[in-house]
PDB file of all heavy atoms in Angstrom:
ATOM      1  N   LYS A   1     135.162 160.715  97.343  1.00  0.00           N
ATOM      2  CA  LYS A   1     135.497 160.649  98.729  1.00  0.00           C
ATOM      3  C   LYS A   1     134.317 161.144  99.646  1.00  0.00           C
ATOM      4  O   LYS A   1     133.781 162.131  99.271  1.00  0.00           O
ATOM      5  CB  LYS A   1     136.791 161.489  99.079  1.00  0.00           C
ATOM      6  CG  LYS A   1     138.035 161.013  98.362  1.00  0.00           C
ATOM      7  CD  LYS A   1     139.210 161.978  98.767  1.00  0.00           C
ATOM      8  CE  LYS A   1     140.564 161.527  98.101  1.00  0.00           C
ATOM      9  NZ  LYS A   1     141.660 162.350  98.472  1.00  0.00           N
ATOM     10  N   VAL A   2     134.055 160.333 100.593  1.00  0.00           N
ATOM     11  CA  VAL A   2     133.035 160.817 101.644  1.00  0.00           C
ATOM     12  C   VAL A   2     133.757 160.974 102.962  1.00  0.00           C
ATOM     13  O   VAL A   2     134.430 160.017 103.401  1.00  0.00           O
ATOM     14  CB  VAL A   2     131.875 159.821 101.737  1.00  0.00           C
ATOM     15  CG1 VAL A   2     130.990 160.138 102.972  1.00  0.00           C
ATOM     16  CG2 VAL A   2     131.088 159.708 100.525  1.00  0.00           C
ATOM     17  N   VAL A   3     133.693 162.159 103.512  1.00  0.00           N
ATOM     18  CA  VAL A   3     134.301 162.465 104.774  1.00  0.00           C
ATOM     19  C   VAL A   3     133.243 162.727 105.805  1.00  0.00           C
ATOM     20  O   VAL A   3     132.342 163.560 105.571  1.00  0.00           O
ATOM     21  CB  VAL A   3     135.197 163.744 104.714  1.00  0.00           C
ATOM     22  CG1 VAL A   3     135.796 164.042 105.993  1.00  0.00           C
ATOM     23  CG2 VAL A   3     136.367 163.450 103.714  1.00  0.00           C
ATOM     24  N   THR A   4     133.279 162.042 106.949  1.00  0.00           N
ATOM     25  CA  THR A   4     132.357 162.203 108.024  1.00  0.00           C
ATOM     26  C   THR A   4     132.938 162.874 109.136  1.00  0.00           C
ATOM     27  O   THR A   4     134.120 162.703 109.495  1.00  0.00           O
ATOM     28  CB  THR A   4     131.770 160.836 108.475  1.00  0.00           C
ATOM     29  OG1 THR A   4     132.777 160.042 109.109  1.00  0.00           O
ATOM     30  CG2 THR A   4     131.133 160.003 107.352  1.00  0.00           C
ATOM     31  N   TYR A   5     132.140 163.762 109.863  1.00  0.00           N
ATOM     32  CA  TYR A   5     132.625 164.481 110.963  1.00  0.00           C
ATOM     33  C   TYR A   5     131.808 164.207 112.195  1.00  0.00           C
ATOM     34  O   TYR A   5     130.580 164.539 112.198  1.00  0.00           O
ATOM     35  CB  TYR A   5     132.637 166.001 110.593  1.00  0.00           C
ATOM     36  CG  TYR A   5     133.215 166.871 111.717  1.00  0.00           C
ATOM     37  CD1 TYR A   5     134.487 166.679 112.222  1.00  0.00           C
ATOM     38  CD2 TYR A   5     132.390 167.893 112.185  1.00  0.00           C
ATOM     39  CE1 TYR A   5     134.984 167.568 113.211  1.00  0.00           C
ATOM     40  CE2 TYR A   5     132.917 168.758 113.144  1.00  0.00           C
ATOM     41  CZ  TYR A   5     134.159 168.617 113.696  1.00  0.00           C
ATOM     42  OH  TYR A   5     134.733 169.389 114.685  1.00  0.00           O
ATOM     43  N   GLU A   6     132.422 163.568 113.212  1.00  0.00           N
ATOM     44  CA  GLU A   6     131.725 163.307 114.453  1.00  0.00           C
ATOM     45  C   GLU A   6     130.408 162.512 114.262  1.00  0.00           C
ATOM     46  O   GLU A   6     129.370 162.747 114.972  1.00  0.00           O
ATOM     47  CB  GLU A   6     131.464 164.567 115.291  1.00  0.00           C
ATOM     48  CG  GLU A   6     132.707 165.292 115.607  1.00  0.00           C
ATOM     49  CD  GLU A   6     132.503 166.641 116.448  1.00  0.00           C
ATOM     50  OE1 GLU A   6     131.373 167.071 116.480  1.00  0.00           O
ATOM     51  OE2 GLU A   6     133.443 167.168 116.968  1.00  0.00           O
ATOM     52  N   LEU A   7     130.459 161.627 113.327  1.00  0.00           N
ATOM     53  CA  LEU A   7     129.269 160.790 113.103  1.00  0.00           C
ATOM     54  C   LEU A   7     129.437 159.429 113.649  1.00  0.00           C
ATOM     55  O   LEU A   7     130.473 158.908 113.770  1.00  0.00           O
ATOM     56  CB  LEU A   7     128.919 160.722 111.569  1.00  0.00           C
ATOM     57  CG  LEU A   7     128.543 161.879 110.805  1.00  0.00           C
ATOM     58  CD1 LEU A   7     128.198 161.588 109.407  1.00  0.00           C
ATOM     59  CD2 LEU A   7     127.331 162.600 111.506  1.00  0.00           C
ATOM     60  N   PRO A   8     128.292 158.753 114.068  1.00  0.00           N
ATOM     61  CA  PRO A   8     128.369 157.436 114.565  1.00  0.00           C
ATOM     62  C   PRO A   8     128.711 156.453 113.428  1.00  0.00           C
ATOM     63  O   PRO A   8     128.538 156.700 112.290  1.00  0.00           O
ATOM     64  CB  PRO A   8     126.997 157.157 115.189  1.00  0.00           C
ATOM     65  CG  PRO A   8     126.088 158.056 114.339  1.00  0.00           C
ATOM     66  CD  PRO A   8     126.881 159.278 114.095  1.00  0.00           C
ATOM     67  N   THR A   9     129.214 155.326 113.760  1.00  0.00           N
ATOM     68  CA  THR A   9     129.475 154.235 112.847  1.00  0.00           C
ATOM     69  C   THR A   9     128.722 152.956 113.268  1.00  0.00           C
ATOM     70  O   THR A   9     128.142 152.912 114.324  1.00  0.00           O
ATOM     71  CB  THR A   9     130.955 153.894 112.798  1.00  0.00           C
ATOM     72  OG1 THR A   9     131.416 153.306 114.040  1.00  0.00           O
ATOM     73  CG2 THR A   9     131.816 155.139 112.544  1.00  0.00           C
ATOM     74  N   ALA A  10     128.748 151.911 112.441  1.00  0.00           N
ATOM     75  CA  ALA A  10     128.083 150.766 112.723  1.00  0.00           C
ATOM     76  C   ALA A  10     128.549 150.054 114.009  1.00  0.00           C
ATOM     77  O   ALA A  10     127.884 149.289 114.665  1.00  0.00           O
ATOM     78  CB  ALA A  10     128.147 149.709 111.563  1.00  0.00           C
ATOM     79  N   ASP A  11     129.818 150.403 114.419  1.00  0.00           N
ATOM     80  CA  ASP A  11     130.494 149.865 115.584  1.00  0.00           C
ATOM     81  C   ASP A  11     130.154 150.731 116.866  1.00  0.00           C
ATOM     82  O   ASP A  11     130.512 150.260 118.001  1.00  0.00           O
ATOM     83  CB  ASP A  11     131.974 149.755 115.401  1.00  0.00           C
ATOM     84  CG  ASP A  11     132.353 148.868 114.285  1.00  0.00           C
ATOM     85  OD1 ASP A  11     131.623 147.842 114.034  1.00  0.00           O
ATOM     86  OD2 ASP A  11     133.355 149.066 113.649  1.00  0.00           O
ATOM     87  N   THR A  12     129.589 151.794 116.735  1.00  0.00           N
ATOM     88  CA  THR A  12     129.139 152.639 117.930  1.00  0.00           C
ATOM     89  C   THR A  12     128.185 151.858 118.762  1.00  0.00           C
ATOM     90  O   THR A  12     127.144 151.446 118.308  1.00  0.00           O
ATOM     91  CB  THR A  12     128.561 153.980 117.463  1.00  0.00           C
ATOM     92  OG1 THR A  12     129.462 154.658 116.622  1.00  0.00           O
ATOM     93  CG2 THR A  12     128.281 154.869 118.659  1.00  0.00           C
ATOM     94  N   PRO A  13     128.502 151.743 120.072  1.00  0.00           N
ATOM     95  CA  PRO A  13     127.526 150.958 120.991  1.00  0.00           C
ATOM     96  C   PRO A  13     126.290 151.734 121.193  1.00  0.00           C
ATOM     97  O   PRO A  13     126.228 153.010 121.252  1.00  0.00           O
ATOM     98  CB  PRO A  13     128.439 150.816 122.263  1.00  0.00           C
ATOM     99  CG  PRO A  13     129.446 152.027 122.253  1.00  0.00           C
ATOM    100  CD  PRO A  13     129.749 152.184 120.812  1.00  0.00           C
ATOM    101  N   ASN A  14     125.208 150.997 121.396  1.00  0.00           N
ATOM    102  CA  ASN A  14     123.881 151.560 121.832  1.00  0.00           C
ATOM    103  C   ASN A  14     123.469 152.710 120.844  1.00  0.00           C
ATOM    104  O   ASN A  14     123.051 153.813 121.297  1.00  0.00           O
ATOM    105  CB  ASN A  14     123.964 152.079 123.255  1.00  0.00           C
ATOM    106  CG  ASN A  14     124.402 151.039 124.264  1.00  0.00           C
ATOM    107  OD1 ASN A  14     123.913 149.913 124.206  1.00  0.00           O
ATOM    108  ND2 ASN A  14     125.303 151.379 125.175  1.00  0.00           N
ATOM    109  N   LEU A  15     123.448 152.433 119.639  1.00  0.00           N
ATOM    110  CA  LEU A  15     122.958 153.342 118.576  1.00  0.00           C
ATOM    111  C   LEU A  15     121.546 153.748 118.857  1.00  0.00           C
ATOM    112  O   LEU A  15     120.691 152.797 119.048  1.00  0.00           O
ATOM    113  CB  LEU A  15     123.165 152.823 117.176  1.00  0.00           C
ATOM    114  CG  LEU A  15     124.561 152.826 116.625  1.00  0.00           C
ATOM    115  CD1 LEU A  15     124.615 152.018 115.271  1.00  0.00           C
ATOM    116  CD2 LEU A  15     125.127 154.188 116.420  1.00  0.00           C
ATOM    117  N   THR A  16     121.166 154.949 118.789  1.00  0.00           N
ATOM    118  CA  THR A  16     119.735 155.408 118.792  1.00  0.00           C
ATOM    119  C   THR A  16     119.169 155.192 117.481  1.00  0.00           C
ATOM    120  O   THR A  16     119.872 154.969 116.402  1.00  0.00           O
ATOM    121  CB  THR A  16     119.669 156.840 119.188  1.00  0.00           C
ATOM    122  OG1 THR A  16     120.312 157.672 118.218  1.00  0.00           O
ATOM    123  CG2 THR A  16     120.323 157.121 120.581  1.00  0.00           C
ATOM    124  N   GLU A  17     117.848 155.256 117.367  1.00  0.00           N
ATOM    125  CA  GLU A  17     117.217 155.060 116.022  1.00  0.00           C
ATOM    126  C   GLU A  17     117.603 156.174 115.014  1.00  0.00           C
ATOM    127  O   GLU A  17     117.938 155.918 113.849  1.00  0.00           O
ATOM    128  CB  GLU A  17     115.693 155.099 116.236  1.00  0.00           C
ATOM    129  CG  GLU A  17     115.102 153.879 116.978  1.00  0.00           C
ATOM    130  CD  GLU A  17     115.552 152.563 116.234  1.00  0.00           C
ATOM    131  OE1 GLU A  17     115.412 152.498 114.996  1.00  0.00           O
ATOM    132  OE2 GLU A  17     115.962 151.648 116.956  1.00  0.00           O
ATOM    133  N   PRO A  18     117.751 157.472 115.430  1.00  0.00           N
ATOM    134  CA  PRO A  18     118.222 158.427 114.500  1.00  0.00           C
ATOM    135  C   PRO A  18     119.702 158.159 114.035  1.00  0.00           C
ATOM    136  O   PRO A  18     120.046 158.333 112.830  1.00  0.00           O
ATOM    137  CB  PRO A  18     118.198 159.772 115.264  1.00  0.00           C
ATOM    138  CG  PRO A  18     117.079 159.558 116.319  1.00  0.00           C
ATOM    139  CD  PRO A  18     117.261 158.111 116.648  1.00  0.00           C
ATOM    140  N   GLN A  19     120.514 157.648 114.985  1.00  0.00           N
ATOM    141  CA  GLN A  19     121.870 157.308 114.640  1.00  0.00           C
ATOM    142  C   GLN A  19     121.944 156.173 113.634  1.00  0.00           C
ATOM    143  O   GLN A  19     122.799 156.139 112.678  1.00  0.00           O
ATOM    144  CB  GLN A  19     122.738 156.948 115.911  1.00  0.00           C
ATOM    145  CG  GLN A  19     123.057 158.224 116.718  1.00  0.00           C
ATOM    146  CD  GLN A  19     123.770 157.859 117.946  1.00  0.00           C
ATOM    147  OE1 GLN A  19     123.432 156.778 118.574  1.00  0.00           O
ATOM    148  NE2 GLN A  19     124.612 158.721 118.444  1.00  0.00           N
ATOM    149  N   LYS A  20     121.058 155.227 113.817  1.00  0.00           N
ATOM    150  CA  LYS A  20     121.029 154.107 112.870  1.00  0.00           C
ATOM    151  C   LYS A  20     120.688 154.532 111.406  1.00  0.00           C
ATOM    152  O   LYS A  20     121.233 154.106 110.452  1.00  0.00           O
ATOM    153  CB  LYS A  20     120.014 153.053 113.333  1.00  0.00           C
ATOM    154  CG  LYS A  20     120.373 152.308 114.582  1.00  0.00           C
ATOM    155  CD  LYS A  20     119.240 151.367 115.003  1.00  0.00           C
ATOM    156  CE  LYS A  20     119.592 150.683 116.290  1.00  0.00           C
ATOM    157  NZ  LYS A  20     118.367 149.768 116.731  1.00  0.00           N
ATOM    158  N   LEU A  21     119.765 155.526 111.369  1.00  0.00           N
ATOM    159  CA  LEU A  21     119.453 156.040 110.016  1.00  0.00           C
ATOM    160  C   LEU A  21     120.680 156.773 109.409  1.00  0.00           C
ATOM    161  O   LEU A  21     120.884 156.747 108.234  1.00  0.00           O
ATOM    162  CB  LEU A  21     118.219 157.018 110.186  1.00  0.00           C
ATOM    163  CG  LEU A  21     116.794 156.403 110.307  1.00  0.00           C
ATOM    164  CD1 LEU A  21     115.819 157.550 110.435  1.00  0.00           C
ATOM    165  CD2 LEU A  21     116.521 155.501 109.198  1.00  0.00           C
ATOM    166  N   VAL A  22     121.401 157.503 110.218  1.00  0.00           N
ATOM    167  CA  VAL A  22     122.542 158.205 109.765  1.00  0.00           C
ATOM    168  C   VAL A  22     123.642 157.199 109.223  1.00  0.00           C
ATOM    169  O   VAL A  22     124.245 157.370 108.200  1.00  0.00           O
ATOM    170  CB  VAL A  22     123.119 159.122 110.873  1.00  0.00           C
ATOM    171  CG1 VAL A  22     124.541 159.687 110.466  1.00  0.00           C
ATOM    172  CG2 VAL A  22     122.222 160.221 111.213  1.00  0.00           C
ATOM    173  N   VAL A  23     123.880 156.163 110.028  1.00  0.00           N
ATOM    174  CA  VAL A  23     124.839 155.167 109.663  1.00  0.00           C
ATOM    175  C   VAL A  23     124.403 154.569 108.273  1.00  0.00           C
ATOM    176  O   VAL A  23     125.366 154.423 107.362  1.00  0.00           O
ATOM    177  CB  VAL A  23     125.049 154.075 110.707  1.00  0.00           C
ATOM    178  CG1 VAL A  23     125.806 152.915 110.192  1.00  0.00           C
ATOM    179  CG2 VAL A  23     125.653 154.686 112.040  1.00  0.00           C
ATOM    180  N   GLN A  24     123.286 154.192 108.087  1.00  0.00           N
ATOM    181  CA  GLN A  24     122.732 153.584 106.857  1.00  0.00           C
ATOM    182  C   GLN A  24     122.822 154.636 105.700  1.00  0.00           C
ATOM    183  O   GLN A  24     123.187 154.255 104.607  1.00  0.00           O
ATOM    184  CB  GLN A  24     121.245 153.187 106.983  1.00  0.00           C
ATOM    185  CG  GLN A  24     121.038 152.102 108.084  1.00  0.00           C
ATOM    186  CD  GLN A  24     119.594 151.893 108.423  1.00  0.00           C
ATOM    187  OE1 GLN A  24     118.640 152.480 107.810  1.00  0.00           O
ATOM    188  NE2 GLN A  24     119.317 151.037 109.426  1.00  0.00           N
ATOM    189  N   PHE A  25     122.551 155.891 105.999  1.00  0.00           N
ATOM    190  CA  PHE A  25     122.627 156.934 104.904  1.00  0.00           C
ATOM    191  C   PHE A  25     124.091 157.023 104.491  1.00  0.00           C
ATOM    192  O   PHE A  25     124.365 157.108 103.231  1.00  0.00           O
ATOM    193  CB  PHE A  25     122.104 158.172 105.442  1.00  0.00           C
ATOM    194  CG  PHE A  25     122.185 159.364 104.442  1.00  0.00           C
ATOM    195  CD1 PHE A  25     121.297 159.411 103.365  1.00  0.00           C
ATOM    196  CD2 PHE A  25     123.223 160.294 104.615  1.00  0.00           C
ATOM    197  CE1 PHE A  25     121.399 160.425 102.458  1.00  0.00           C
ATOM    198  CE2 PHE A  25     123.320 161.424 103.638  1.00  0.00           C
ATOM    199  CZ  PHE A  25     122.453 161.447 102.613  1.00  0.00           C
ATOM    200  N   VAL A  26     125.008 157.107 105.321  1.00  0.00           N
ATOM    201  CA  VAL A  26     126.463 157.217 105.005  1.00  0.00           C
ATOM    202  C   VAL A  26     126.850 156.074 104.098  1.00  0.00           C
ATOM    203  O   VAL A  26     127.521 156.277 103.069  1.00  0.00           O
ATOM    204  CB  VAL A  26     127.306 157.343 106.192  1.00  0.00           C
ATOM    205  CG1 VAL A  26     128.849 157.271 105.809  1.00  0.00           C
ATOM    206  CG2 VAL A  26     127.077 158.637 106.975  1.00  0.00           C
ATOM    207  N   ALA A  27     126.450 154.871 104.428  1.00  0.00           N
ATOM    208  CA  ALA A  27     126.798 153.675 103.671  1.00  0.00           C
ATOM    209  C   ALA A  27     126.217 153.751 102.340  1.00  0.00           C
ATOM    210  O   ALA A  27     126.828 153.464 101.393  1.00  0.00           O
ATOM    211  CB  ALA A  27     126.321 152.451 104.407  1.00  0.00           C
ATOM    212  N   LYS A  28     124.905 154.197 102.167  1.00  0.00           N
ATOM    213  CA  LYS A  28     124.287 154.260 100.893  1.00  0.00           C
ATOM    214  C   LYS A  28     124.899 155.290  99.940  1.00  0.00           C
ATOM    215  O   LYS A  28     124.970 155.109  98.773  1.00  0.00           O
ATOM    216  CB  LYS A  28     122.804 154.552 101.104  1.00  0.00           C
ATOM    217  CG  LYS A  28     122.010 153.344 101.718  1.00  0.00           C
ATOM    218  CD  LYS A  28     120.559 153.744 101.968  1.00  0.00           C
ATOM    219  CE  LYS A  28     119.740 152.573 102.575  1.00  0.00           C
ATOM    220  NZ  LYS A  28     118.359 152.969 102.899  1.00  0.00           N
ATOM    221  N   VAL A  29     125.246 156.493 100.561  1.00  0.00           N
ATOM    222  CA  VAL A  29     125.873 157.488  99.727  1.00  0.00           C
ATOM    223  C   VAL A  29     127.297 157.040  99.294  1.00  0.00           C
ATOM    224  O   VAL A  29     127.576 157.295  98.059  1.00  0.00           O
ATOM    225  CB  VAL A  29     126.050 158.812 100.625  1.00  0.00           C
ATOM    226  CG1 VAL A  29     126.882 159.819  99.800  1.00  0.00           C
ATOM    227  CG2 VAL A  29     124.644 159.405 100.919  1.00  0.00           C
ATOM    228  N   SER A  30     127.991 156.437 100.125  1.00  0.00           N
ATOM    229  CA  SER A  30     129.332 155.918  99.697  1.00  0.00           C
ATOM    230  C   SER A  30     129.175 154.937  98.579  1.00  0.00           C
ATOM    231  O   SER A  30     129.991 154.904  97.624  1.00  0.00           O
ATOM    232  CB  SER A  30     130.099 155.300 100.946  1.00  0.00           C
ATOM    233  OG  SER A  30     130.238 156.316 101.937  1.00  0.00           O
ATOM    234  N   LYS A  31     128.217 154.016  98.735  1.00  0.00           N
ATOM    235  CA  LYS A  31     128.010 152.984  97.723  1.00  0.00           C
ATOM    236  C   LYS A  31     127.652 153.687  96.377  1.00  0.00           C
ATOM    237  O   LYS A  31     128.080 153.255  95.274  1.00  0.00           O
ATOM    238  CB  LYS A  31     127.015 151.920  98.183  1.00  0.00           C
ATOM    239  CG  LYS A  31     126.835 150.961  97.141  1.00  0.00           C
ATOM    240  CD  LYS A  31     125.761 149.850  97.613  1.00  0.00           C
ATOM    241  CE  LYS A  31     125.447 148.751  96.672  1.00  0.00           C
ATOM    242  NZ  LYS A  31     124.469 147.732  97.195  1.00  0.00           N
ATOM    243  N   HIS A  32     126.739 154.598  96.496  1.00  0.00           N
ATOM    244  CA  HIS A  32     126.194 155.291  95.287  1.00  0.00           C
ATOM    245  C   HIS A  32     127.291 155.998  94.539  1.00  0.00           C
ATOM    246  O   HIS A  32     127.357 155.983  93.299  1.00  0.00           O
ATOM    247  CB  HIS A  32     125.130 156.360  95.677  1.00  0.00           C
ATOM    248  CG  HIS A  32     124.521 157.092  94.466  1.00  0.00           C
ATOM    249  ND1 HIS A  32     123.540 156.532  93.712  1.00  0.00           N
ATOM    250  CD2 HIS A  32     124.887 158.323  93.946  1.00  0.00           C
ATOM    251  CE1 HIS A  32     123.201 157.447  92.765  1.00  0.00           C
ATOM    252  NE2 HIS A  32     123.980 158.534  92.892  1.00  0.00           N
ATOM    253  N   LEU A  33     128.331 156.504  95.183  1.00  0.00           N
ATOM    254  CA  LEU A  33     129.370 157.282  94.697  1.00  0.00           C
ATOM    255  C   LEU A  33     130.626 156.399  94.428  1.00  0.00           C
ATOM    256  O   LEU A  33     131.566 156.843  93.802  1.00  0.00           O
ATOM    257  CB  LEU A  33     129.771 158.436  95.615  1.00  0.00           C
ATOM    258  CG  LEU A  33     128.873 159.561  95.812  1.00  0.00           C
ATOM    259  CD1 LEU A  33     129.422 160.537  96.821  1.00  0.00           C
ATOM    260  CD2 LEU A  33     128.649 160.296  94.460  1.00  0.00           C
ATOM    261  N   SER A  34     130.495 155.185  94.814  1.00  0.00           N
ATOM    262  CA  SER A  34     131.622 154.215  94.804  1.00  0.00           C
ATOM    263  C   SER A  34     132.847 154.949  95.482  1.00  0.00           C
ATOM    264  O   SER A  34     134.000 154.998  94.911  1.00  0.00           O
ATOM    265  CB  SER A  34     132.044 153.827  93.371  1.00  0.00           C
ATOM    266  OG  SER A  34     130.945 153.187  92.714  1.00  0.00           O
ATOM    267  N   ALA A  35     132.656 155.532  96.631  1.00  0.00           N
ATOM    268  CA  ALA A  35     133.559 156.372  97.307  1.00  0.00           C
ATOM    269  C   ALA A  35     134.182 155.754  98.458  1.00  0.00           C
ATOM    270  O   ALA A  35     133.645 154.792  99.141  1.00  0.00           O
ATOM    271  CB  ALA A  35     132.792 157.629  97.749  1.00  0.00           C
ATOM    272  N   THR A  36     135.405 156.195  98.807  1.00  0.00           N
ATOM    273  CA  THR A  36     136.009 155.841 100.122  1.00  0.00           C
ATOM    274  C   THR A  36     135.427 156.615 101.236  1.00  0.00           C
ATOM    275  O   THR A  36     134.959 157.787 100.924  1.00  0.00           O
ATOM    276  CB  THR A  36     137.573 156.124 100.049  1.00  0.00           C
ATOM    277  OG1 THR A  36     137.809 157.484  99.748  1.00  0.00           O
ATOM    278  CG2 THR A  36     138.222 155.324  98.949  1.00  0.00           C
ATOM    279  N   THR A  37     135.411 156.038 102.418  1.00  0.00           N
ATOM    280  CA  THR A  37     134.802 156.824 103.478  1.00  0.00           C
ATOM    281  C   THR A  37     135.818 156.994 104.612  1.00  0.00           C
ATOM    282  O   THR A  37     136.517 155.980 105.023  1.00  0.00           O
ATOM    283  CB  THR A  37     133.546 156.072 104.055  1.00  0.00           C
ATOM    284  OG1 THR A  37     132.630 155.930 102.934  1.00  0.00           O
ATOM    285  CG2 THR A  37     132.868 156.826 105.175  1.00  0.00           C
ATOM    286  N   SER A  38     135.914 158.156 105.177  1.00  0.00           N
ATOM    287  CA  SER A  38     136.864 158.350 106.282  1.00  0.00           C
ATOM    288  C   SER A  38     136.383 159.354 107.221  1.00  0.00           C
ATOM    289  O   SER A  38     135.555 160.198 106.914  1.00  0.00           O
ATOM    290  CB  SER A  38     138.266 158.881 105.688  1.00  0.00           C
ATOM    291  OG  SER A  38     138.117 160.063 105.096  1.00  0.00           O
ATOM    292  N   ALA A  39     136.784 159.180 108.517  1.00  0.00           N
ATOM    293  CA  ALA A  39     136.295 160.147 109.565  1.00  0.00           C
ATOM    294  C   ALA A  39     137.325 161.252 109.654  1.00  0.00           C
ATOM    295  O   ALA A  39     138.535 161.079 109.455  1.00  0.00           O
ATOM    296  CB  ALA A  39     136.219 159.366 110.906  1.00  0.00           C
ATOM    297  N   TYR A  40     136.870 162.376 109.978  1.00  0.00           N
ATOM    298  CA  TYR A  40     137.677 163.669 110.016  1.00  0.00           C
ATOM    299  C   TYR A  40     137.804 164.077 111.399  1.00  0.00           C
ATOM    300  O   TYR A  40     136.824 164.166 112.209  1.00  0.00           O
ATOM    301  CB  TYR A  40     137.035 164.712 109.142  1.00  0.00           C
ATOM    302  CG  TYR A  40     137.878 165.975 109.069  1.00  0.00           C
ATOM    303  CD1 TYR A  40     139.110 166.036 108.398  1.00  0.00           C
ATOM    304  CD2 TYR A  40     137.373 167.210 109.743  1.00  0.00           C
ATOM    305  CE1 TYR A  40     139.831 167.149 108.338  1.00  0.00           C
ATOM    306  CE2 TYR A  40     138.142 168.325 109.648  1.00  0.00           C
ATOM    307  CZ  TYR A  40     139.338 168.351 108.955  1.00  0.00           C
ATOM    308  OH  TYR A  40     140.091 169.539 108.977  1.00  0.00           O
ATOM    309  N   ASN A  41     139.058 164.437 111.762  1.00  0.00           N
ATOM    310  CA  ASN A  41     139.351 165.006 113.174  1.00  0.00           C
ATOM    311  C   ASN A  41     139.869 166.453 112.947  1.00  0.00           C
ATOM    312  O   ASN A  41     140.994 166.667 112.527  1.00  0.00           O
ATOM    313  CB  ASN A  41     140.359 164.166 113.863  1.00  0.00           C
ATOM    314  CG  ASN A  41     140.537 164.626 115.346  1.00  0.00           C
ATOM    315  OD1 ASN A  41     140.829 165.766 115.615  1.00  0.00           O
ATOM    316  ND2 ASN A  41     140.342 163.652 116.211  1.00  0.00           N
ATOM    317  N   LEU A  42     138.999 167.456 113.178  1.00  0.00           N
ATOM    318  CA  LEU A  42     139.356 168.809 112.966  1.00  0.00           C
ATOM    319  C   LEU A  42     140.478 169.230 113.863  1.00  0.00           C
ATOM    320  O   LEU A  42     141.482 169.903 113.401  1.00  0.00           O
ATOM    321  CB  LEU A  42     138.146 169.674 113.178  1.00  0.00           C
ATOM    322  CG  LEU A  42     138.357 171.233 113.025  1.00  0.00           C
ATOM    323  CD1 LEU A  42     138.974 171.595 111.729  1.00  0.00           C
ATOM    324  CD2 LEU A  42     137.059 171.949 113.302  1.00  0.00           C
ATOM    325  N   SER A  43     140.518 168.832 115.208  1.00  0.00           N
ATOM    326  CA  SER A  43     141.495 169.267 116.049  1.00  0.00           C
ATOM    327  C   SER A  43     142.903 168.771 115.677  1.00  0.00           C
ATOM    328  O   SER A  43     143.890 169.581 115.655  1.00  0.00           O
ATOM    329  CB  SER A  43     141.196 168.758 117.526  1.00  0.00           C
ATOM    330  OG  SER A  43     140.005 169.309 118.024  1.00  0.00           O
ATOM    331  N   THR A  44     142.929 167.534 115.248  1.00  0.00           N
ATOM    332  CA  THR A  44     144.201 166.940 114.820  1.00  0.00           C
ATOM    333  C   THR A  44     144.723 167.594 113.531  1.00  0.00           C
ATOM    334  O   THR A  44     145.891 167.986 113.424  1.00  0.00           O
ATOM    335  CB  THR A  44     144.117 165.431 114.738  1.00  0.00           C
ATOM    336  OG1 THR A  44     143.661 164.874 115.974  1.00  0.00           O
ATOM    337  CG2 THR A  44     145.392 164.777 114.265  1.00  0.00           C
ATOM    338  N   HIS A  45     143.887 167.676 112.625  1.00  0.00           N
ATOM    339  CA  HIS A  45     144.250 168.269 111.285  1.00  0.00           C
ATOM    340  C   HIS A  45     144.735 169.754 111.400  1.00  0.00           C
ATOM    341  O   HIS A  45     145.664 170.095 110.892  1.00  0.00           O
ATOM    342  CB  HIS A  45     143.090 168.192 110.314  1.00  0.00           C
ATOM    343  CG  HIS A  45     143.490 168.428 108.891  1.00  0.00           C
ATOM    344  ND1 HIS A  45     142.558 168.923 107.896  1.00  0.00           N
ATOM    345  CD2 HIS A  45     144.614 168.291 108.333  1.00  0.00           C
ATOM    346  CE1 HIS A  45     143.142 169.004 106.769  1.00  0.00           C
ATOM    347  NE2 HIS A  45     144.450 168.625 106.994  1.00  0.00           N
TER     348      HIS A  45
END
C-alpha cells in the first residue's frame, strides 16, 4: 500500500515542474511495489 498525504496527482491543474516529478515518482514506486495508492486525509481520519 502507498499512501500519499497532500500530494498533487496527474489531474492537478497547472502542475509545476517539481510537482510533475513527484507525481511520476509516486507512480513508479506504486508500480515497483505492485501497490494500491490512496490519498490520506488526516483531519477526516
